[in-house]
Amino acid sequence: MDILGKRYLYFVISLLVIVPGMIALIVWGLPLAIDFTGGSLLEVQFGSGAAPQPSEVIALYRELGIADVQAQTSGADIIIARSSFLDDAIRTQIVARMSERFKDTVTVRRFDSVGPTVGQEVAFRAAGAVGVAALGVIVYITFAFRRVPNRLRYGICAIIAMIHDVAVVFSVAAIGGRFFGWQIDALFLTALLTVIGFSVQDKIVVFDRIRENTTLYRRAGFESLVNHSIIQTLQRSINTQLMTVEFMLLALVLFGGVTLREFALILLIGLFSGTYSSIFIAAPLLVVWESGEWGRLFRRGKQAEATV
């Protein structure tokens, strides 16, 4: 099985997924929740067993002068409304107005408020966590692969592939925020860090097999050695990711309810991307770098320009 023979096709497939998402991210921006921007979340349950339409709840908020609001149902009798910052007095007024407007008993299940300063601190810490994870990967691989030539390249390729997975997750989130009302909240951050952890683990497994085979197959060409290493780890990647984690997450997406669906779907796509990038992005990038292919392509492009 010649996996590396089509490496540039895999790069193109990744670009076809990431580039539209990055464009969507630039045009529409990230749909940040109150965890990062500051604001209030109000979750209420209606005693009759039937919640009003989200549009009716949004209209009620706006009558009270609260323009920045989003609402969604969770089950048949629960409404979750996210809005700009509310104090306890306004929250009490909203609940009373809901009970009067919809002629129903309204019970507050959850009320959370986050100030803008706290939201900025959460965003800063999230970015710091991703940066620390990337630095840790480079340090670990540089130490563990200290007897392998060009050991730093392994860490850099792992980071590039990890950035690939993060870009896929953010691309999906930007498109989901535009068309399905998704938001970047604390659960999204949990899913993102989980994706990074799985992604790095899978890449280290592949690279470690390459390191082991470097001493076993010294006469083999580097591309053949890497291709053989990928095939050796392919079954492990499929069994641990697809057959266990992915099927469980698919079940959560289909049957887990509204509140967990976005979280499970982000994990599902992110972990699939992590497995894909370990096999079809990280190792091929290492081969391209070791063989100096991009340098030759660049020189050929210059020669063609000079000829013209």
Protein backbone atom coordinates (compact mmCIF):
# COMPACT_ATOMS: atom_id res chain seq x y z
CA MET A 1 0.00 0.00 0.00
CA ASP A 2 1.66 3.20 -1.19
CA ILE A 3 0.18 5.83 1.11
CA LEU A 4 2.90 8.44 0.60
CA GLY A 5 2.71 8.26 -3.20
CA LYS A 6 -0.40 10.47 -3.13
CA ARG A 7 0.79 12.87 -0.43
CA TYR A 8 0.08 16.03 -2.39
CA LEU A 9 -3.50 14.87 -2.93
CA TYR A 10 -3.92 14.68 0.85
CA PHE A 11 -2.56 18.21 1.20
CA VAL A 12 -5.09 19.45 -1.39
CA ILE A 13 -7.96 17.69 0.41
CA SER A 14 -7.00 19.42 3.66
CA LEU A 15 -6.84 22.80 1.94
CA LEU A 16 -10.29 22.24 0.43
CA VAL A 17 -11.63 21.77 3.96
CA ILE A 18 -9.65 24.45 5.78
CA VAL A 19 -9.61 27.36 3.28
CA PRO A 20 -13.42 27.78 3.06
CA GLY A 21 -13.60 27.61 6.86
CA MET A 22 -10.89 30.24 7.24
CA ILE A 23 -12.72 32.49 4.79
CA ALA A 24 -15.91 32.00 6.81
CA LEU A 25 -13.94 32.80 9.96
CA ILE A 26 -12.63 36.06 8.48
CA VAL A 27 -15.99 37.11 7.04
CA TRP A 28 -18.32 36.08 9.87
CA GLY A 29 -15.95 35.87 12.83
CA LEU A 30 -16.09 33.45 15.73
CA PRO A 31 -19.50 33.05 17.41
CA LEU A 32 -18.19 33.65 20.94
CA ALA A 33 -20.46 32.76 23.85
CA ILE A 34 -20.73 34.61 27.15
CA ASP A 35 -17.84 32.53 28.54
CA PHE A 36 -15.50 34.70 26.42
CA THR A 37 -17.42 37.91 25.71
CA GLY A 38 -19.24 38.30 29.02
CA GLY A 39 -23.00 38.17 29.41
CA SER A 40 -25.75 36.08 31.00
CA LEU A 41 -27.26 32.65 30.41
CA LEU A 42 -30.79 31.97 31.63
CA GLU A 43 -32.23 28.45 31.48
CA VAL A 44 -35.91 28.13 32.40
CA GLN A 45 -38.41 25.27 32.46
CA PHE A 46 -42.11 25.64 31.71
CA GLY A 47 -44.55 23.76 33.93
CA SER A 48 -47.00 22.88 31.17
CA GLY A 49 -44.40 20.76 29.43
CA ALA A 50 -44.32 22.91 26.30
CA ALA A 51 -41.88 25.77 25.87
CA PRO A 52 -42.67 28.79 23.65
CA GLN A 53 -40.85 29.39 20.40
CA PRO A 54 -37.33 30.90 20.76
CA SER A 55 -38.43 33.83 18.59
CA GLU A 56 -41.12 34.69 21.16
CA VAL A 57 -38.56 34.69 23.98
CA ILE A 58 -36.22 36.89 21.93
CA ALA A 59 -39.08 39.32 21.31
CA LEU A 60 -39.79 39.45 25.07
CA TYR A 61 -36.15 40.28 25.83
CA ARG A 62 -36.15 43.05 23.23
CA GLU A 63 -39.28 44.59 24.71
CA LEU A 64 -37.25 45.04 27.88
CA GLY A 65 -34.47 46.79 25.94
CA ILE A 66 -32.12 43.81 25.65
CA ALA A 67 -31.22 43.60 21.97
CA ASP A 68 -28.27 41.18 22.08
CA VAL A 69 -29.98 37.85 22.80
CA GLN A 70 -30.09 34.31 21.43
CA ALA A 71 -32.53 31.60 22.49
CA GLN A 72 -32.89 27.89 21.84
CA THR A 73 -34.97 25.00 23.10
CA SER A 74 -33.58 22.06 25.04
CA GLY A 75 -36.16 19.31 25.04
CA ALA A 76 -39.85 20.11 24.91
CA ASP A 77 -40.14 22.33 27.98
CA ILE A 78 -36.82 24.17 28.42
CA ILE A 79 -35.57 27.44 26.94
CA ILE A 80 -31.93 28.54 27.10
CA ALA A 81 -31.40 32.26 26.47
CA ARG A 82 -27.99 33.93 26.13
CA SER A 83 -27.85 37.70 26.29
CA SER A 84 -25.79 40.68 27.33
CA PHE A 85 -25.09 41.04 31.06
CA LEU A 86 -28.17 40.90 33.31
CA ASP A 87 -28.42 41.67 37.00
CA ASP A 88 -30.73 39.85 39.40
CA ALA A 89 -33.45 42.49 39.15
CA ILE A 90 -33.71 42.26 35.37
CA ARG A 91 -33.61 38.46 35.54
CA THR A 92 -36.55 38.47 37.98
CA GLN A 93 -38.43 40.83 35.67
CA ILE A 94 -37.80 38.58 32.65
CA VAL A 95 -39.02 35.46 34.48
CA ALA A 96 -42.13 37.28 35.70
CA ARG A 97 -42.84 38.59 32.18
CA MET A 98 -42.44 35.05 30.75
CA SER A 99 -44.90 33.65 33.28
CA GLU A 100 -47.40 36.41 32.48
CA ARG A 101 -46.93 36.33 28.68
CA PHE A 102 -47.08 32.56 28.24
CA LYS A 103 -49.52 31.92 31.12
CA ASP A 104 -47.35 29.19 32.58
CA THR A 105 -45.25 28.37 35.62
CA VAL A 106 -41.63 29.28 34.92
CA THR A 107 -38.83 27.71 36.97
CA VAL A 108 -35.26 28.99 36.77
CA ARG A 109 -32.98 25.98 36.31
CA ARG A 110 -29.77 27.92 35.77
CA PHE A 111 -28.58 31.51 35.72
CA ASP A 112 -24.94 32.36 35.01
CA SER A 113 -23.40 35.77 34.45
CA VAL A 114 -19.86 36.49 33.29
CA GLY A 115 -18.36 39.98 33.21
CA PRO A 116 -16.38 41.14 30.14
CA THR A 117 -13.09 41.13 32.09
CA VAL A 118 -13.55 37.51 33.13
CA GLY A 119 -14.44 36.59 29.56
CA GLN A 120 -11.23 38.14 28.24
CA GLU A 121 -9.21 36.30 30.89
CA VAL A 122 -10.80 32.98 29.87
CA ALA A 123 -9.93 33.64 26.21
CA PHE A 124 -6.34 34.54 27.16
CA ARG A 125 -5.94 31.39 29.26
CA ALA A 126 -7.39 29.26 26.45
CA ALA A 127 -4.84 30.61 23.97
CA GLY A 128 -2.11 30.07 26.56
CA ALA A 129 -3.17 26.43 27.05
CA VAL A 130 -2.88 25.76 23.31
CA GLY A 131 0.54 27.45 23.21
CA VAL A 132 1.82 25.43 26.18
CA ALA A 133 0.58 22.22 24.53
CA ALA A 134 2.47 23.06 21.32
CA LEU A 135 5.66 23.90 23.23
CA GLY A 136 5.38 20.70 25.26
CA VAL A 137 5.11 18.62 22.08
CA ILE A 138 8.30 20.11 20.64
CA VAL A 139 10.23 19.66 23.90
CA TYR A 140 9.08 16.07 24.36
CA ILE A 141 9.76 14.97 20.78
CA THR A 142 13.14 16.72 20.74
CA PHE A 143 14.15 14.81 23.88
CA ALA A 144 12.59 11.44 22.97
CA PHE A 145 14.04 11.53 19.44
CA ARG A 146 17.46 12.80 20.49
CA ARG A 147 19.25 9.94 18.68
CA VAL A 148 17.37 10.48 15.42
CA PRO A 149 18.85 12.77 12.73
CA ASN A 150 16.94 16.06 12.27
CA ARG A 151 14.89 15.37 15.40
CA LEU A 152 13.51 18.92 15.52
CA ARG A 153 11.71 18.30 12.24
CA TYR A 154 9.54 15.65 13.88
CA GLY A 155 8.30 18.12 16.48
CA ILE A 156 7.67 20.88 13.94
CA CYS A 157 5.74 18.51 11.64
CA ALA A 158 3.67 17.37 14.62
CA ILE A 159 2.87 21.01 15.47
CA ILE A 160 1.92 21.80 11.85
CA ALA A 161 -0.41 18.79 11.81
CA MET A 162 -1.86 19.86 15.17
CA ILE A 163 -2.50 23.36 13.76
CA HIS A 164 -4.22 21.59 10.84
CA ASP A 165 -6.60 19.91 13.32
CA VAL A 166 -7.24 23.15 15.22
CA ALA A 167 -7.96 24.92 11.90
CA VAL A 168 -10.47 22.21 10.96
CA VAL A 169 -12.24 22.58 14.31
CA PHE A 170 -12.42 26.37 14.05
CA SER A 171 -13.57 26.15 10.43
CA VAL A 172 -16.43 23.85 11.43
CA ALA A 173 -17.29 26.13 14.37
CA ALA A 174 -17.38 29.25 12.17
CA ILE A 175 -19.67 27.59 9.62
CA GLY A 176 -21.81 26.03 12.37
CA GLY A 177 -22.13 29.38 14.12
CA ARG A 178 -23.37 31.00 10.92
CA PHE A 179 -25.90 28.37 9.87
CA PHE A 180 -26.79 26.43 13.05
CA GLY A 181 -26.37 28.96 15.85
CA TRP A 182 -23.32 27.30 17.45
CA GLN A 183 -21.25 29.26 19.96
CA ILE A 184 -17.68 29.09 21.21
CA ASP A 185 -18.09 28.36 24.91
CA ALA A 186 -16.32 26.45 27.69
CA LEU A 187 -17.53 23.11 26.27
CA PHE A 188 -15.99 24.02 22.92
CA LEU A 189 -12.69 24.76 24.65
CA THR A 190 -12.88 21.36 26.37
CA ALA A 191 -13.49 19.69 23.02
CA LEU A 192 -10.62 21.62 21.40
CA LEU A 193 -8.09 20.67 24.08
CA THR A 194 -9.26 17.04 23.87
CA VAL A 195 -8.74 17.09 20.12
CA ILE A 196 -5.24 18.51 20.59
CA GLY A 197 -4.41 15.81 23.12
CA PHE A 198 -5.63 12.96 20.92
CA SER A 199 -4.01 14.52 17.86
CA VAL A 200 -0.59 14.81 19.49
CA GLN A 201 -0.80 11.31 20.93
CA ASP A 202 -1.58 9.79 17.53
CA LYS A 203 1.27 11.65 15.83
CA ILE A 204 3.78 10.59 18.48
CA VAL A 205 2.74 6.95 17.97
CA VAL A 206 3.39 7.22 14.21
CA PHE A 207 6.68 9.10 14.68
CA ASP A 208 7.84 6.68 17.35
CA ARG A 209 7.32 3.78 14.97
CA ILE A 210 9.38 5.66 12.37
CA ARG A 211 12.11 6.13 14.99
CA GLU A 212 12.11 2.40 15.82
CA ASN A 213 12.20 1.40 12.16
CA THR A 214 15.11 3.77 11.49
CA THR A 215 17.39 1.36 13.37
CA LEU A 216 15.74 -1.80 11.98
CA TYR A 217 15.68 -0.85 8.28
CA ARG A 218 18.84 1.19 7.84
CA ARG A 219 19.22 0.35 4.18
CA ALA A 220 15.67 1.29 3.22
CA GLY A 221 14.95 4.68 1.71
CA PHE A 222 13.36 7.19 4.06
CA GLU A 223 10.08 7.34 2.12
CA SER A 224 9.75 3.54 2.10
CA LEU A 225 10.58 3.41 5.80
CA VAL A 226 7.94 6.02 6.68
CA ASN A 227 5.34 4.35 4.45
CA HIS A 228 6.00 1.00 6.15
CA SER A 229 5.72 2.65 9.59
CA ILE A 230 2.36 4.22 8.70
CA ILE A 231 0.99 0.87 7.57
CA GLN A 232 2.16 -0.73 10.82
CA THR A 233 0.25 1.86 12.90
CA LEU A 234 -2.79 2.05 10.60
CA GLN A 235 -4.70 -0.75 12.30
CA ARG A 236 -4.04 0.73 15.73
CA SER A 237 -5.29 4.15 14.63
CA ILE A 238 -8.46 2.74 13.09
CA ASN A 239 -9.23 0.48 16.05
CA THR A 240 -8.66 3.05 18.80
CA GLN A 241 -10.16 6.07 17.05
CA LEU A 242 -12.81 4.91 14.61
CA MET A 243 -14.06 1.69 16.19
CA THR A 244 -14.29 3.01 19.76
CA VAL A 245 -14.22 6.79 20.21
CA GLU A 246 -15.82 7.84 16.91
CA PHE A 247 -18.76 5.44 17.15
CA MET A 248 -19.45 6.51 20.73
CA LEU A 249 -19.39 10.18 19.74
CA LEU A 250 -21.66 9.46 16.77
CA ALA A 251 -24.14 7.90 19.19
CA LEU A 252 -23.97 11.06 21.34
CA VAL A 253 -24.59 13.24 18.28
CA LEU A 254 -27.63 11.20 17.26
CA PHE A 255 -29.14 10.44 20.67
CA GLY A 256 -27.41 12.66 23.24
CA GLY A 257 -29.82 15.60 23.18
CA VAL A 258 -29.48 19.22 22.13
CA THR A 259 -27.16 20.38 24.90
CA LEU A 260 -24.46 17.77 24.08
CA ARG A 261 -24.88 17.61 20.31
CA GLU A 262 -22.57 20.49 19.40
CA PHE A 263 -19.88 19.32 21.83
CA ALA A 264 -20.03 15.74 20.55
CA LEU A 265 -20.02 16.82 16.90
CA ILE A 266 -16.96 19.05 17.39
CA LEU A 267 -15.18 16.15 19.07
CA LEU A 268 -16.28 13.75 16.33
CA ILE A 269 -14.91 15.93 13.54
CA GLY A 270 -11.80 17.00 15.47
CA LEU A 271 -10.74 13.47 16.42
CA PHE A 272 -11.33 12.24 12.88
CA SER A 273 -9.17 15.11 11.65
CA GLY A 274 -6.49 14.17 14.20
CA THR A 275 -6.36 10.60 12.94
CA TYR A 276 -6.36 11.77 9.32
CA SER A 277 -3.55 14.29 9.88
CA SER A 278 -1.39 11.76 11.71
CA ILE A 279 -1.43 9.44 8.70
CA PHE A 280 -1.86 11.76 5.74
CA ILE A 281 -0.37 15.09 6.87
CA ALA A 282 2.30 14.79 9.58
CA ALA A 283 4.27 11.85 8.17
CA PRO A 284 4.03 13.04 4.52
CA LEU A 285 5.23 16.49 5.61
CA LEU A 286 8.23 14.85 7.24
CA VAL A 287 9.02 12.99 4.01
CA VAL A 288 8.68 16.15 1.93
CA TRP A 289 11.01 18.01 4.30
CA GLU A 290 13.59 15.23 4.54
CA SER A 291 13.70 14.75 0.77
CA GLY A 292 13.86 18.49 0.06
CA GLU A 293 10.96 18.31 -2.41
CA TRP A 294 9.64 21.78 -1.80
CA GLY A 295 13.07 23.29 -2.41
CA ARG A 296 13.32 21.49 -5.76
CA LEU A 297 9.81 22.60 -6.73
CA PHE A 298 10.69 26.18 -5.85
CA ARG A 299 13.86 26.05 -7.95
CA ARG A 300 11.94 24.57 -10.89
CA GLY A 301 9.43 27.39 -10.65
CA LYS A 302 12.24 29.94 -10.76
CA GLN A 303 13.82 28.21 -13.74
CA ALA A 304 10.49 28.16 -15.60
CA GLU A 305 10.04 31.90 -14.95
CA ALA A 306 13.57 32.59 -16.19
CA THR A 307 12.92 30.58 -19.36
CA VAL A 308 9.74 32.51 -20.11
